[in-house]
Amino acid sequence: MTWTTDNQKNLMLFAGRAHPELAQAVADELGIKVTPQTARNFANGELFVRFEESVRGSDAFVLQSCPAPLNEWVMEALIMIDALKRGSAKRISVILPFYPYARQDKKHRGREPISARLIADLMKTAGADRIITVDLHTDQIQGFFDGPVDHMHALGQLSDYVRHKYGTDNIAIVSPDSGRVRVAEKWADALGGAPVAFIHKTRDPMVANQVVAHRVVGEVEGRTCVLIDDMIDTGGTIAGAVSKLKDAGAGDVVIATTHAVFSDPAAERLANCGATEVIATDTLPIPPEKHFEQLTVLSIAPLLAQTIREVFENGSVTSLFDGIA
């Protein structure tokens, strides 16, 4: 008797319930469907997930955004990974466009957790072989996961939009604090060597989401300032930075961010802070009540789809950034 096997890989995309629109957009880019599943909450809050198709031997990609309530979506992702592992998926890659607990990447004082590491450990324990994420709060989080981490960057899409709409002749790239100046320099390179400035500020480690902005360091007078950050939560930092830039004589101020967390009262602050435009990607869902006139949302789906394709085909993820990752 002769046995033959079909060893051709099978790509399957699985989506959590946090951001189904993004998952569908990624599936459309790839020309595949999102694998059907049953997912529900029990009366006491427990989560249940079951996939409606066989996953045996598949190259599984689990896409889960983590907006509020963040802990529920993290748990759902872990349960999905466990279901795939027990269903004999060959490889499980978890796509976390917005990495949860990324701001807790180190201890500021004694007896504090490093929760970003805990998330990585939980994903690995559940059965994840790889993590794909976008614009981590700090690069060292990549080292928390014991396995491959594909750290994608939305800079290309955001900077292309800024270039085409505002040009590069009279702009300045502004970091909201000294800690993100390196990112601002990458933006400056992408926009033809624009000057870089930053806001000198202090933050009270005892009080979350409260920042005191001091002064602008760098030449911004008369320039269109592109104020960048990886995420906007309550909007206090960015709104304060816009005010300082205006006081320093800046022209238009354009805010660019990857993750639109937009916890209250962010939408109100951003709408009234004096910024000409707020550009964000859809790594997180932005409900209608948090939209405002100046907001522009760019799709991250093409970048995620390209990443999935390269991982599936054992290609080069770095090539998506022209060798600069």
C-alpha atoms as a PDB file:
ATOM      1  CA  MET A   1       0.000   0.000   0.000  1.00  0.00           C
ATOM      2  CA  THR A   2       1.284   3.459  -0.921  1.00  0.00           C
ATOM      3  CA  TRP A   3       0.481   6.446   1.282  1.00  0.00           C
ATOM      4  CA  THR A   4       0.478   9.979  -0.104  1.00  0.00           C
ATOM      5  CA  THR A   5       0.039  13.191   1.843  1.00  0.00           C
ATOM      6  CA  ASP A   6      -0.740  16.760   0.887  1.00  0.00           C
ATOM      7  CA  ASN A   7       1.862  18.872   2.644  1.00  0.00           C
ATOM      8  CA  GLN A   8       0.751  22.152   1.111  1.00  0.00           C
ATOM      9  CA  LYS A   9       0.338  24.803   3.804  1.00  0.00           C
ATOM     10  CA  ASN A  10      -3.122  26.108   4.605  1.00  0.00           C
ATOM     11  CA  LEU A  11      -3.500  29.726   5.707  1.00  0.00           C
ATOM     12  CA  MET A  12      -6.455  30.401   7.993  1.00  0.00           C
ATOM     13  CA  LEU A  13      -7.430  33.763   9.495  1.00  0.00           C
ATOM     14  CA  PHE A  14      -9.275  33.932  12.812  1.00  0.00           C
ATOM     15  CA  ALA A  15     -10.762  37.092  14.298  1.00  0.00           C
ATOM     16  CA  GLY A  16     -11.688  38.089  17.804  1.00  0.00           C
ATOM     17  CA  ARG A  17     -14.844  40.102  18.349  1.00  0.00           C
ATOM     18  CA  ALA A  18     -13.095  43.333  19.315  1.00  0.00           C
ATOM     19  CA  HIS A  19     -12.590  44.721  15.789  1.00  0.00           C
ATOM     20  CA  PRO A  20     -14.322  42.570  13.129  1.00  0.00           C
ATOM     21  CA  GLU A  21     -14.137  45.368  10.539  1.00  0.00           C
ATOM     22  CA  LEU A  22     -10.328  45.274  10.563  1.00  0.00           C
ATOM     23  CA  ALA A  23     -10.286  41.477  10.298  1.00  0.00           C
ATOM     24  CA  GLN A  24     -12.618  41.584   7.295  1.00  0.00           C
ATOM     25  CA  ALA A  25     -10.477  44.259   5.630  1.00  0.00           C
ATOM     26  CA  VAL A  26      -7.368  42.095   6.109  1.00  0.00           C
ATOM     27  CA  ALA A  27      -9.203  39.067   4.719  1.00  0.00           C
ATOM     28  CA  ASP A  28     -10.288  41.081   1.677  1.00  0.00           C
ATOM     29  CA  GLU A  29      -6.685  42.177   1.070  1.00  0.00           C
ATOM     30  CA  LEU A  30      -5.570  38.527   1.206  1.00  0.00           C
ATOM     31  CA  GLY A  31      -8.470  37.242  -0.868  1.00  0.00           C
ATOM     32  CA  ILE A  32      -9.543  34.778   1.820  1.00  0.00           C
ATOM     33  CA  LYS A  33     -12.372  34.541   4.328  1.00  0.00           C
ATOM     34  CA  VAL A  34     -12.363  34.919   8.081  1.00  0.00           C
ATOM     35  CA  THR A  35     -12.847  31.418   9.530  1.00  0.00           C
ATOM     36  CA  PRO A  36     -16.371  31.160  10.979  1.00  0.00           C
ATOM     37  CA  GLN A  37     -16.623  30.618  14.708  1.00  0.00           C
ATOM     38  CA  THR A  38     -19.034  30.579  17.599  1.00  0.00           C
ATOM     39  CA  ALA A  39     -18.117  33.031  20.346  1.00  0.00           C
ATOM     40  CA  ARG A  40     -20.253  34.039  23.288  1.00  0.00           C
ATOM     41  CA  ASN A  41     -20.242  35.188  26.884  1.00  0.00           C
ATOM     42  CA  PHE A  42     -21.794  33.190  29.688  1.00  0.00           C
ATOM     43  CA  ALA A  43     -23.940  34.957  32.262  1.00  0.00           C
ATOM     44  CA  ASN A  44     -21.039  35.195  34.721  1.00  0.00           C
ATOM     45  CA  GLY A  45     -18.698  36.734  32.123  1.00  0.00           C
ATOM     46  CA  GLU A  46     -16.829  33.592  31.061  1.00  0.00           C
ATOM     47  CA  LEU A  47     -15.953  33.420  27.353  1.00  0.00           C
ATOM     48  CA  PHE A  48     -16.475  30.526  24.957  1.00  0.00           C
ATOM     49  CA  VAL A  49     -15.002  30.077  21.469  1.00  0.00           C
ATOM     50  CA  ARG A  50     -15.373  27.228  18.982  1.00  0.00           C
ATOM     51  CA  PHE A  51     -14.230  27.238  15.361  1.00  0.00           C
ATOM     52  CA  GLU A  52     -16.674  25.866  12.813  1.00  0.00           C
ATOM     53  CA  GLU A  53     -14.027  24.366  10.503  1.00  0.00           C
ATOM     54  CA  SER A  54     -11.160  21.959  10.999  1.00  0.00           C
ATOM     55  CA  VAL A  55      -7.897  23.736  11.853  1.00  0.00           C
ATOM     56  CA  ARG A  56      -5.665  20.658  11.799  1.00  0.00           C
ATOM     57  CA  GLY A  57      -2.291  21.370  10.197  1.00  0.00           C
ATOM     58  CA  SER A  58      -3.169  24.985   9.417  1.00  0.00           C
ATOM     59  CA  ASP A  59      -0.945  28.052   9.535  1.00  0.00           C
ATOM     60  CA  ALA A  60      -3.277  29.980  11.829  1.00  0.00           C
ATOM     61  CA  PHE A  61      -3.325  33.773  12.213  1.00  0.00           C
ATOM     62  CA  VAL A  62      -5.362  35.129  15.133  1.00  0.00           C
ATOM     63  CA  LEU A  63      -6.192  38.833  14.850  1.00  0.00           C
ATOM     64  CA  GLN A  64      -7.358  40.540  18.023  1.00  0.00           C
ATOM     65  CA  SER A  65      -7.422  44.252  18.725  1.00  0.00           C
ATOM     66  CA  CYS A  66      -7.622  45.263  22.360  1.00  0.00           C
ATOM     67  CA  PRO A  67      -9.830  48.321  22.954  1.00  0.00           C
ATOM     68  CA  ALA A  68     -11.877  48.736  26.108  1.00  0.00           C
ATOM     69  CA  PRO A  69     -12.768  46.445  27.836  1.00  0.00           C
ATOM     70  CA  LEU A  70      -9.179  45.429  27.164  1.00  0.00           C
ATOM     71  CA  ASN A  71      -8.974  42.534  29.623  1.00  0.00           C
ATOM     72  CA  GLU A  72     -11.932  40.773  28.032  1.00  0.00           C
ATOM     73  CA  TRP A  73     -10.356  40.853  24.590  1.00  0.00           C
ATOM     74  CA  VAL A  74      -6.990  39.667  25.901  1.00  0.00           C
ATOM     75  CA  MET A  75      -8.735  36.699  27.497  1.00  0.00           C
ATOM     76  CA  GLU A  76     -10.652  35.961  24.303  1.00  0.00           C
ATOM     77  CA  ALA A  77      -7.390  35.908  22.339  1.00  0.00           C
ATOM     78  CA  LEU A  78      -5.881  33.452  24.832  1.00  0.00           C
ATOM     79  CA  ILE A  79      -8.920  31.180  24.555  1.00  0.00           C
ATOM     80  CA  MET A  80      -8.767  31.295  20.748  1.00  0.00           C
ATOM     81  CA  ILE A  81      -5.088  30.331  20.828  1.00  0.00           C
ATOM     82  CA  ASP A  82      -5.823  27.462  23.195  1.00  0.00           C
ATOM     83  CA  ALA A  83      -8.639  26.216  20.950  1.00  0.00           C
ATOM     84  CA  LEU A  84      -6.297  26.251  17.943  1.00  0.00           C
ATOM     85  CA  LYS A  85      -3.552  24.438  19.837  1.00  0.00           C
ATOM     86  CA  ARG A  86      -5.979  21.733  20.953  1.00  0.00           C
ATOM     87  CA  GLY A  87      -7.361  21.576  17.409  1.00  0.00           C
ATOM     88  CA  SER A  88      -3.860  20.673  16.101  1.00  0.00           C
ATOM     89  CA  ALA A  89      -3.033  23.869  14.203  1.00  0.00           C
ATOM     90  CA  LYS A  90       0.518  23.571  12.896  1.00  0.00           C
ATOM     91  CA  ARG A  91       1.610  27.139  13.691  1.00  0.00           C
ATOM     92  CA  ILE A  92      -0.203  29.911  15.553  1.00  0.00           C
ATOM     93  CA  SER A  93       0.644  33.555  14.894  1.00  0.00           C
ATOM     94  CA  VAL A  94      -1.107  36.148  17.046  1.00  0.00           C
ATOM     95  CA  ILE A  95      -1.703  39.577  15.504  1.00  0.00           C
ATOM     96  CA  LEU A  96      -2.049  42.245  18.186  1.00  0.00           C
ATOM     97  CA  PRO A  97      -2.226  45.534  16.240  1.00  0.00           C
ATOM     98  CA  PHE A  98      -2.300  47.330  19.590  1.00  0.00           C
ATOM     99  CA  TYR A  99      -0.180  45.473  22.134  1.00  0.00           C
ATOM    100  CA  PRO A 100      -2.016  45.469  25.491  1.00  0.00           C
ATOM    101  CA  TYR A 101      -0.282  46.786  28.623  1.00  0.00           C
ATOM    102  CA  ALA A 102       2.585  48.132  26.488  1.00  0.00           C
ATOM    103  CA  ARG A 103       3.045  51.147  28.786  1.00  0.00           C
ATOM    104  CA  GLN A 104       3.903  48.823  31.689  1.00  0.00           C
ATOM    105  CA  ASP A 105       7.214  47.729  30.185  1.00  0.00           C
ATOM    106  CA  LYS A 106       9.450  48.446  33.181  1.00  0.00           C
ATOM    107  CA  LYS A 107       9.383  49.133  36.909  1.00  0.00           C
ATOM    108  CA  HIS A 108       9.323  52.808  37.845  1.00  0.00           C
ATOM    109  CA  ARG A 109       9.287  52.020  41.567  1.00  0.00           C
ATOM    110  CA  GLY A 110       9.519  48.972  43.798  1.00  0.00           C
ATOM    111  CA  ARG A 111       6.775  46.345  43.975  1.00  0.00           C
ATOM    112  CA  GLU A 112       5.381  47.169  40.539  1.00  0.00           C
ATOM    113  CA  PRO A 113       4.582  44.617  37.805  1.00  0.00           C
ATOM    114  CA  ILE A 114       6.021  44.467  34.305  1.00  0.00           C
ATOM    115  CA  SER A 115       2.678  43.689  32.731  1.00  0.00           C
ATOM    116  CA  ALA A 116       3.867  43.862  29.121  1.00  0.00           C
ATOM    117  CA  ARG A 117       6.105  40.859  29.876  1.00  0.00           C
ATOM    118  CA  LEU A 118       3.179  39.070  31.519  1.00  0.00           C
ATOM    119  CA  ILE A 119       1.102  39.445  28.343  1.00  0.00           C
ATOM    120  CA  ALA A 120       3.921  37.902  26.307  1.00  0.00           C
ATOM    121  CA  ASP A 121       4.207  34.997  28.765  1.00  0.00           C
ATOM    122  CA  LEU A 122       0.457  34.398  28.638  1.00  0.00           C
ATOM    123  CA  MET A 123       0.458  34.309  24.829  1.00  0.00           C
ATOM    124  CA  LYS A 124       3.350  31.846  24.794  1.00  0.00           C
ATOM    125  CA  THR A 125       1.789  29.621  27.450  1.00  0.00           C
ATOM    126  CA  ALA A 126      -1.520  29.570  25.566  1.00  0.00           C
ATOM    127  CA  GLY A 127       0.303  28.261  22.493  1.00  0.00           C
ATOM    128  CA  ALA A 128       1.329  31.229  20.336  1.00  0.00           C
ATOM    129  CA  ASP A 129       4.393  30.625  18.158  1.00  0.00           C
ATOM    130  CA  ARG A 130       4.739  34.192  16.861  1.00  0.00           C
ATOM    131  CA  ILE A 131       3.494  37.688  17.641  1.00  0.00           C
ATOM    132  CA  ILE A 132       2.803  40.343  15.022  1.00  0.00           C
ATOM    133  CA  THR A 133       2.200  43.855  16.327  1.00  0.00           C
ATOM    134  CA  VAL A 134       2.305  47.494  15.245  1.00  0.00           C
ATOM    135  CA  ASP A 135       4.298  50.353  16.787  1.00  0.00           C
ATOM    136  CA  LEU A 136       5.113  49.086  20.247  1.00  0.00           C
ATOM    137  CA  HIS A 137       5.312  51.714  22.963  1.00  0.00           C
ATOM    138  CA  THR A 138       8.960  50.713  23.445  1.00  0.00           C
ATOM    139  CA  ASP A 139      11.073  48.457  21.241  1.00  0.00           C
ATOM    140  CA  GLN A 140      12.370  46.263  24.065  1.00  0.00           C
ATOM    141  CA  ILE A 141       8.946  44.633  24.438  1.00  0.00           C
ATOM    142  CA  GLN A 142       9.971  42.474  21.471  1.00  0.00           C
ATOM    143  CA  GLY A 143      12.384  40.689  23.786  1.00  0.00           C
ATOM    144  CA  PHE A 144       9.662  39.721  26.254  1.00  0.00           C
ATOM    145  CA  PHE A 145       8.256  37.017  23.956  1.00  0.00           C
ATOM    146  CA  ASP A 146      10.165  33.739  23.639  1.00  0.00           C
ATOM    147  CA  GLY A 147       9.750  33.424  19.899  1.00  0.00           C
ATOM    148  CA  PRO A 148       9.622  35.538  16.725  1.00  0.00           C
ATOM    149  CA  VAL A 149       8.101  39.011  16.998  1.00  0.00           C
ATOM    150  CA  ASP A 150       7.314  40.971  13.847  1.00  0.00           C
ATOM    151  CA  HIS A 151       7.253  44.615  14.888  1.00  0.00           C
ATOM    152  CA  MET A 152       5.505  46.531  12.124  1.00  0.00           C
ATOM    153  CA  HIS A 153       5.511  50.306  11.686  1.00  0.00           C
ATOM    154  CA  ALA A 154       2.748  52.595  10.470  1.00  0.00           C
ATOM    155  CA  LEU A 155       5.244  55.381   9.747  1.00  0.00           C
ATOM    156  CA  GLY A 156       5.166  54.675   6.011  1.00  0.00           C
ATOM    157  CA  GLN A 157       1.422  55.111   5.653  1.00  0.00           C
ATOM    158  CA  LEU A 158       1.221  58.093   7.991  1.00  0.00           C
ATOM    159  CA  SER A 159       4.192  59.938   6.491  1.00  0.00           C
ATOM    160  CA  ASP A 160       2.993  59.291   2.914  1.00  0.00           C
ATOM    161  CA  TYR A 161      -0.335  60.891   3.797  1.00  0.00           C
ATOM    162  CA  VAL A 162       1.381  63.902   5.361  1.00  0.00           C
ATOM    163  CA  ARG A 163       3.732  64.287   2.381  1.00  0.00           C
ATOM    164  CA  HIS A 164       0.965  64.219  -0.195  1.00  0.00           C
ATOM    165  CA  LYS A 165      -1.322  66.611   1.717  1.00  0.00           C
ATOM    166  CA  TYR A 166       1.097  69.062   3.335  1.00  0.00           C
ATOM    167  CA  GLY A 167       4.310  68.728   1.332  1.00  0.00           C
ATOM    168  CA  THR A 168       7.791  68.831   2.849  1.00  0.00           C
ATOM    169  CA  ASP A 169       8.979  72.408   2.274  1.00  0.00           C
ATOM    170  CA  ASN A 170       7.950  74.062   5.527  1.00  0.00           C
ATOM    171  CA  ILE A 171       7.278  71.342   8.094  1.00  0.00           C
ATOM    172  CA  ALA A 172       8.813  70.338  11.401  1.00  0.00           C
ATOM    173  CA  ILE A 173       8.473  66.984  13.148  1.00  0.00           C
ATOM    174  CA  VAL A 174       7.658  67.354  16.820  1.00  0.00           C
ATOM    175  CA  SER A 175       7.940  64.706  19.515  1.00  0.00           C
ATOM    176  CA  PRO A 176       5.611  65.209  22.502  1.00  0.00           C
ATOM    177  CA  ASP A 177       8.514  64.361  24.836  1.00  0.00           C
ATOM    178  CA  SER A 178      12.237  63.704  24.735  1.00  0.00           C
ATOM    179  CA  GLY A 179      11.719  59.946  24.849  1.00  0.00           C
ATOM    180  CA  ARG A 180      10.333  59.755  21.303  1.00  0.00           C
ATOM    181  CA  VAL A 181      12.915  61.935  19.582  1.00  0.00           C
ATOM    182  CA  ARG A 182      14.413  58.873  17.880  1.00  0.00           C
ATOM    183  CA  VAL A 183      11.049  58.140  16.279  1.00  0.00           C
ATOM    184  CA  ALA A 184      10.776  61.790  15.262  1.00  0.00           C
ATOM    185  CA  GLU A 185      14.137  61.476  13.530  1.00  0.00           C
ATOM    186  CA  LYS A 186      12.814  58.546  11.482  1.00  0.00           C
ATOM    187  CA  TRP A 187       9.850  60.692  10.512  1.00  0.00           C
ATOM    188  CA  ALA A 188      12.223  63.488   9.524  1.00  0.00           C
ATOM    189  CA  ASP A 189      14.197  61.112   7.289  1.00  0.00           C
ATOM    190  CA  ALA A 190      10.972  59.896   5.678  1.00  0.00           C
ATOM    191  CA  LEU A 191       9.957  63.500   4.951  1.00  0.00           C
ATOM    192  CA  GLY A 192      13.166  64.659   3.341  1.00  0.00           C
ATOM    193  CA  GLY A 193      15.184  65.786   6.336  1.00  0.00           C
ATOM    194  CA  ALA A 194      12.650  67.996   8.089  1.00  0.00           C
ATOM    195  CA  PRO A 195      13.836  69.644  11.322  1.00  0.00           C
ATOM    196  CA  VAL A 196      12.997  67.956  14.622  1.00  0.00           C
ATOM    197  CA  ALA A 197      11.700  69.538  17.818  1.00  0.00           C
ATOM    198  CA  PHE A 198      10.322  68.179  21.080  1.00  0.00           C
ATOM    199  CA  ILE A 199       8.281  69.285  24.074  1.00  0.00           C
ATOM    200  CA  HIS A 200      10.154  69.330  27.361  1.00  0.00           C
ATOM    201  CA  LYS A 201       7.720  68.110  30.006  1.00  0.00           C
ATOM    202  CA  THR A 202       7.387  66.410  33.350  1.00  0.00           C
ATOM    203  CA  ARG A 203       5.006  63.643  34.388  1.00  0.00           C
ATOM    204  CA  ASP A 204       3.964  62.768  37.925  1.00  0.00           C
ATOM    205  CA  PRO A 205       4.620  59.001  38.336  1.00  0.00           C
ATOM    206  CA  MET A 206       2.035  58.944  41.114  1.00  0.00           C
ATOM    207  CA  VAL A 207      -0.809  60.222  38.896  1.00  0.00           C
ATOM    208  CA  ALA A 208      -1.784  58.531  35.630  1.00  0.00           C
ATOM    209  CA  ASN A 209      -2.615  60.537  32.492  1.00  0.00           C
ATOM    210  CA  GLN A 210      -1.496  63.894  33.896  1.00  0.00           C
ATOM    211  CA  VAL A 211       1.360  65.747  32.246  1.00  0.00           C
ATOM    212  CA  VAL A 212       2.822  69.230  32.674  1.00  0.00           C
ATOM    213  CA  ALA A 213       4.247  70.608  29.426  1.00  0.00           C
ATOM    214  CA  HIS A 214       7.017  73.178  29.809  1.00  0.00           C
ATOM    215  CA  ARG A 215       8.512  74.506  26.584  1.00  0.00           C
ATOM    216  CA  VAL A 216       9.317  73.718  22.973  1.00  0.00           C
ATOM    217  CA  VAL A 217      12.898  72.771  22.157  1.00  0.00           C
ATOM    218  CA  GLY A 218      13.618  73.328  18.462  1.00  0.00           C
ATOM    219  CA  GLU A 219      12.643  75.673  15.624  1.00  0.00           C
ATOM    220  CA  VAL A 220       8.892  75.605  14.932  1.00  0.00           C
ATOM    221  CA  GLU A 221       7.955  79.251  14.300  1.00  0.00           C
ATOM    222  CA  GLY A 222       5.907  79.644  11.140  1.00  0.00           C
ATOM    223  CA  ARG A 223       6.164  75.945  10.279  1.00  0.00           C
ATOM    224  CA  THR A 224       3.536  73.270   9.821  1.00  0.00           C
ATOM    225  CA  CYS A 225       4.259  71.034  12.784  1.00  0.00           C
ATOM    226  CA  VAL A 226       3.621  67.296  12.601  1.00  0.00           C
ATOM    227  CA  LEU A 227       3.139  66.197  16.205  1.00  0.00           C
ATOM    228  CA  ILE A 228       3.699  62.444  16.475  1.00  0.00           C
ATOM    229  CA  ASP A 229       3.016  59.802  19.103  1.00  0.00           C
ATOM    230  CA  ASP A 230       2.474  56.048  19.143  1.00  0.00           C
ATOM    231  CA  MET A 231      -0.858  56.314  20.956  1.00  0.00           C
ATOM    232  CA  ILE A 232      -3.352  58.868  22.199  1.00  0.00           C
ATOM    233  CA  ASP A 233      -5.211  57.810  25.324  1.00  0.00           C
ATOM    234  CA  THR A 234      -6.988  60.672  27.115  1.00  0.00           C
ATOM    235  CA  GLY A 235      -5.350  63.268  24.873  1.00  0.00           C
ATOM    236  CA  GLY A 236      -3.876  65.363  27.672  1.00  0.00           C
ATOM    237  CA  THR A 237      -0.271  65.105  26.484  1.00  0.00           C
ATOM    238  CA  ILE A 238      -1.071  65.921  22.860  1.00  0.00           C
ATOM    239  CA  ALA A 239      -3.491  68.750  23.639  1.00  0.00           C
ATOM    240  CA  GLY A 240      -0.900  70.353  25.918  1.00  0.00           C
ATOM    241  CA  ALA A 241       1.755  69.978  23.229  1.00  0.00           C
ATOM    242  CA  VAL A 242      -0.462  71.681  20.624  1.00  0.00           C
ATOM    243  CA  SER A 243      -0.948  74.614  22.977  1.00  0.00           C
ATOM    244  CA  LYS A 244       2.800  74.970  23.545  1.00  0.00           C
ATOM    245  CA  LEU A 245       3.484  74.817  19.798  1.00  0.00           C
ATOM    246  CA  LYS A 246       0.936  77.539  19.132  1.00  0.00           C
ATOM    247  CA  ASP A 247       2.504  79.678  21.873  1.00  0.00           C
ATOM    248  CA  ALA A 248       5.890  79.169  20.176  1.00  0.00           C
ATOM    249  CA  GLY A 249       4.556  80.564  16.905  1.00  0.00           C
ATOM    250  CA  ALA A 250       3.883  77.358  14.982  1.00  0.00           C
ATOM    251  CA  GLY A 251       1.580  77.498  11.973  1.00  0.00           C
ATOM    252  CA  ASP A 252      -0.745  74.555  11.439  1.00  0.00           C
ATOM    253  CA  VAL A 253      -0.338  71.642  13.843  1.00  0.00           C
ATOM    254  CA  VAL A 254      -1.076  68.179  12.461  1.00  0.00           C
ATOM    255  CA  ILE A 255      -1.274  65.271  14.909  1.00  0.00           C
ATOM    256  CA  ALA A 256      -0.274  61.797  13.693  1.00  0.00           C
ATOM    257  CA  THR A 257      -0.683  58.678  15.812  1.00  0.00           C
ATOM    258  CA  THR A 258      -0.880  54.946  15.264  1.00  0.00           C
ATOM    259  CA  HIS A 259      -3.189  53.872  18.087  1.00  0.00           C
ATOM    260  CA  ALA A 260      -6.353  55.880  18.693  1.00  0.00           C
ATOM    261  CA  VAL A 261      -7.180  54.671  22.206  1.00  0.00           C
ATOM    262  CA  PHE A 262      -9.322  57.789  22.741  1.00  0.00           C
ATOM    263  CA  SER A 263     -10.397  57.263  26.334  1.00  0.00           C
ATOM    264  CA  ASP A 264     -12.742  60.011  27.515  1.00  0.00           C
ATOM    265  CA  PRO A 265     -12.346  62.958  27.173  1.00  0.00           C
ATOM    266  CA  ALA A 266      -9.850  62.506  24.300  1.00  0.00           C
ATOM    267  CA  ALA A 267     -12.241  63.205  21.423  1.00  0.00           C
ATOM    268  CA  GLU A 268     -13.400  66.470  22.992  1.00  0.00           C
ATOM    269  CA  ARG A 269      -9.853  67.564  23.776  1.00  0.00           C
ATOM    270  CA  LEU A 270      -8.590  66.801  20.284  1.00  0.00           C
ATOM    271  CA  ALA A 271     -11.524  68.497  18.611  1.00  0.00           C
ATOM    272  CA  ASN A 272     -10.923  71.695  20.603  1.00  0.00           C
ATOM    273  CA  CYS A 273      -7.126  71.769  21.000  1.00  0.00           C
ATOM    274  CA  GLY A 274      -6.458  73.806  17.850  1.00  0.00           C
ATOM    275  CA  ALA A 275      -4.977  71.040  15.685  1.00  0.00           C
ATOM    276  CA  THR A 276      -5.691  71.305  11.962  1.00  0.00           C
ATOM    277  CA  GLU A 277      -6.008  67.532  11.548  1.00  0.00           C
ATOM    278  CA  VAL A 278      -5.656  64.375  13.624  1.00  0.00           C
ATOM    279  CA  ILE A 279      -4.448  61.382  11.602  1.00  0.00           C
ATOM    280  CA  ALA A 280      -4.737  57.892  13.091  1.00  0.00           C
ATOM    281  CA  THR A 281      -4.810  54.305  11.895  1.00  0.00           C
ATOM    282  CA  ASP A 282      -7.519  51.765  12.632  1.00  0.00           C
ATOM    283  CA  THR A 283      -5.442  49.409  14.773  1.00  0.00           C
ATOM    284  CA  LEU A 284      -8.233  50.025  17.298  1.00  0.00           C
ATOM    285  CA  PRO A 285     -11.912  50.543  16.484  1.00  0.00           C
ATOM    286  CA  ILE A 286     -13.068  54.150  16.811  1.00  0.00           C
ATOM    287  CA  PRO A 287     -16.795  54.245  17.609  1.00  0.00           C
ATOM    288  CA  PRO A 288     -18.938  56.943  15.960  1.00  0.00           C
ATOM    289  CA  GLU A 289     -19.282  58.935  19.175  1.00  0.00           C
ATOM    290  CA  LYS A 290     -15.496  59.418  19.237  1.00  0.00           C
ATOM    291  CA  HIS A 291     -15.238  60.754  15.695  1.00  0.00           C
ATOM    292  CA  PHE A 292     -14.822  64.491  15.207  1.00  0.00           C
ATOM    293  CA  GLU A 293     -14.417  66.851  12.272  1.00  0.00           C
ATOM    294  CA  GLN A 294     -10.604  66.957  12.189  1.00  0.00           C
ATOM    295  CA  LEU A 295     -10.141  63.170  12.429  1.00  0.00           C
ATOM    296  CA  THR A 296      -8.764  61.161   9.488  1.00  0.00           C
ATOM    297  CA  VAL A 297      -8.467  57.373   9.849  1.00  0.00           C
ATOM    298  CA  LEU A 298      -6.069  55.374   7.656  1.00  0.00           C
ATOM    299  CA  SER A 299      -6.445  51.619   7.205  1.00  0.00           C
ATOM    300  CA  ILE A 300      -3.715  49.402   8.647  1.00  0.00           C
ATOM    301  CA  ALA A 301      -5.188  46.372   6.847  1.00  0.00           C
ATOM    302  CA  PRO A 302      -2.832  46.466   3.816  1.00  0.00           C
ATOM    303  CA  LEU A 303       0.237  46.412   6.099  1.00  0.00           C
ATOM    304  CA  LEU A 304      -1.130  43.537   8.189  1.00  0.00           C
ATOM    305  CA  ALA A 305      -2.105  41.584   5.074  1.00  0.00           C
ATOM    306  CA  GLN A 306       1.365  42.014   3.562  1.00  0.00           C
ATOM    307  CA  THR A 307       2.916  40.876   6.826  1.00  0.00           C
ATOM    308  CA  ILE A 308       0.719  37.773   6.971  1.00  0.00           C
ATOM    309  CA  ARG A 309       1.618  36.957   3.374  1.00  0.00           C
ATOM    310  CA  GLU A 310       5.356  37.274   4.013  1.00  0.00           C
ATOM    311  CA  VAL A 311       5.184  35.161   7.189  1.00  0.00           C
ATOM    312  CA  PHE A 312       3.074  32.491   5.487  1.00  0.00           C
ATOM    313  CA  GLU A 313       5.386  32.316   2.478  1.00  0.00           C
ATOM    314  CA  ASN A 314       8.548  32.447   4.631  1.00  0.00           C
ATOM    315  CA  GLY A 315       9.444  35.753   3.048  1.00  0.00           C
ATOM    316  CA  SER A 316      11.079  38.874   4.456  1.00  0.00           C
ATOM    317  CA  VAL A 317       9.025  41.107   6.705  1.00  0.00           C
ATOM    318  CA  THR A 318      11.890  43.607   6.798  1.00  0.00           C
ATOM    319  CA  SER A 319      11.477  44.101   3.040  1.00  0.00           C
ATOM    320  CA  LEU A 320       8.179  45.856   3.753  1.00  0.00           C
ATOM    321  CA  PHE A 321      10.197  48.736   5.204  1.00  0.00           C
ATOM    322  CA  ASP A 322      12.815  48.890   2.450  1.00  0.00           C
ATOM    323  CA  GLY A 323      15.346  47.236   4.728  1.00  0.00           C
ATOM    324  CA  ILE A 324      14.747  49.667   7.615  1.00  0.00           C
ATOM    325  CA  ALA A 325      12.863  47.845  10.382  1.00  0.00           C
END
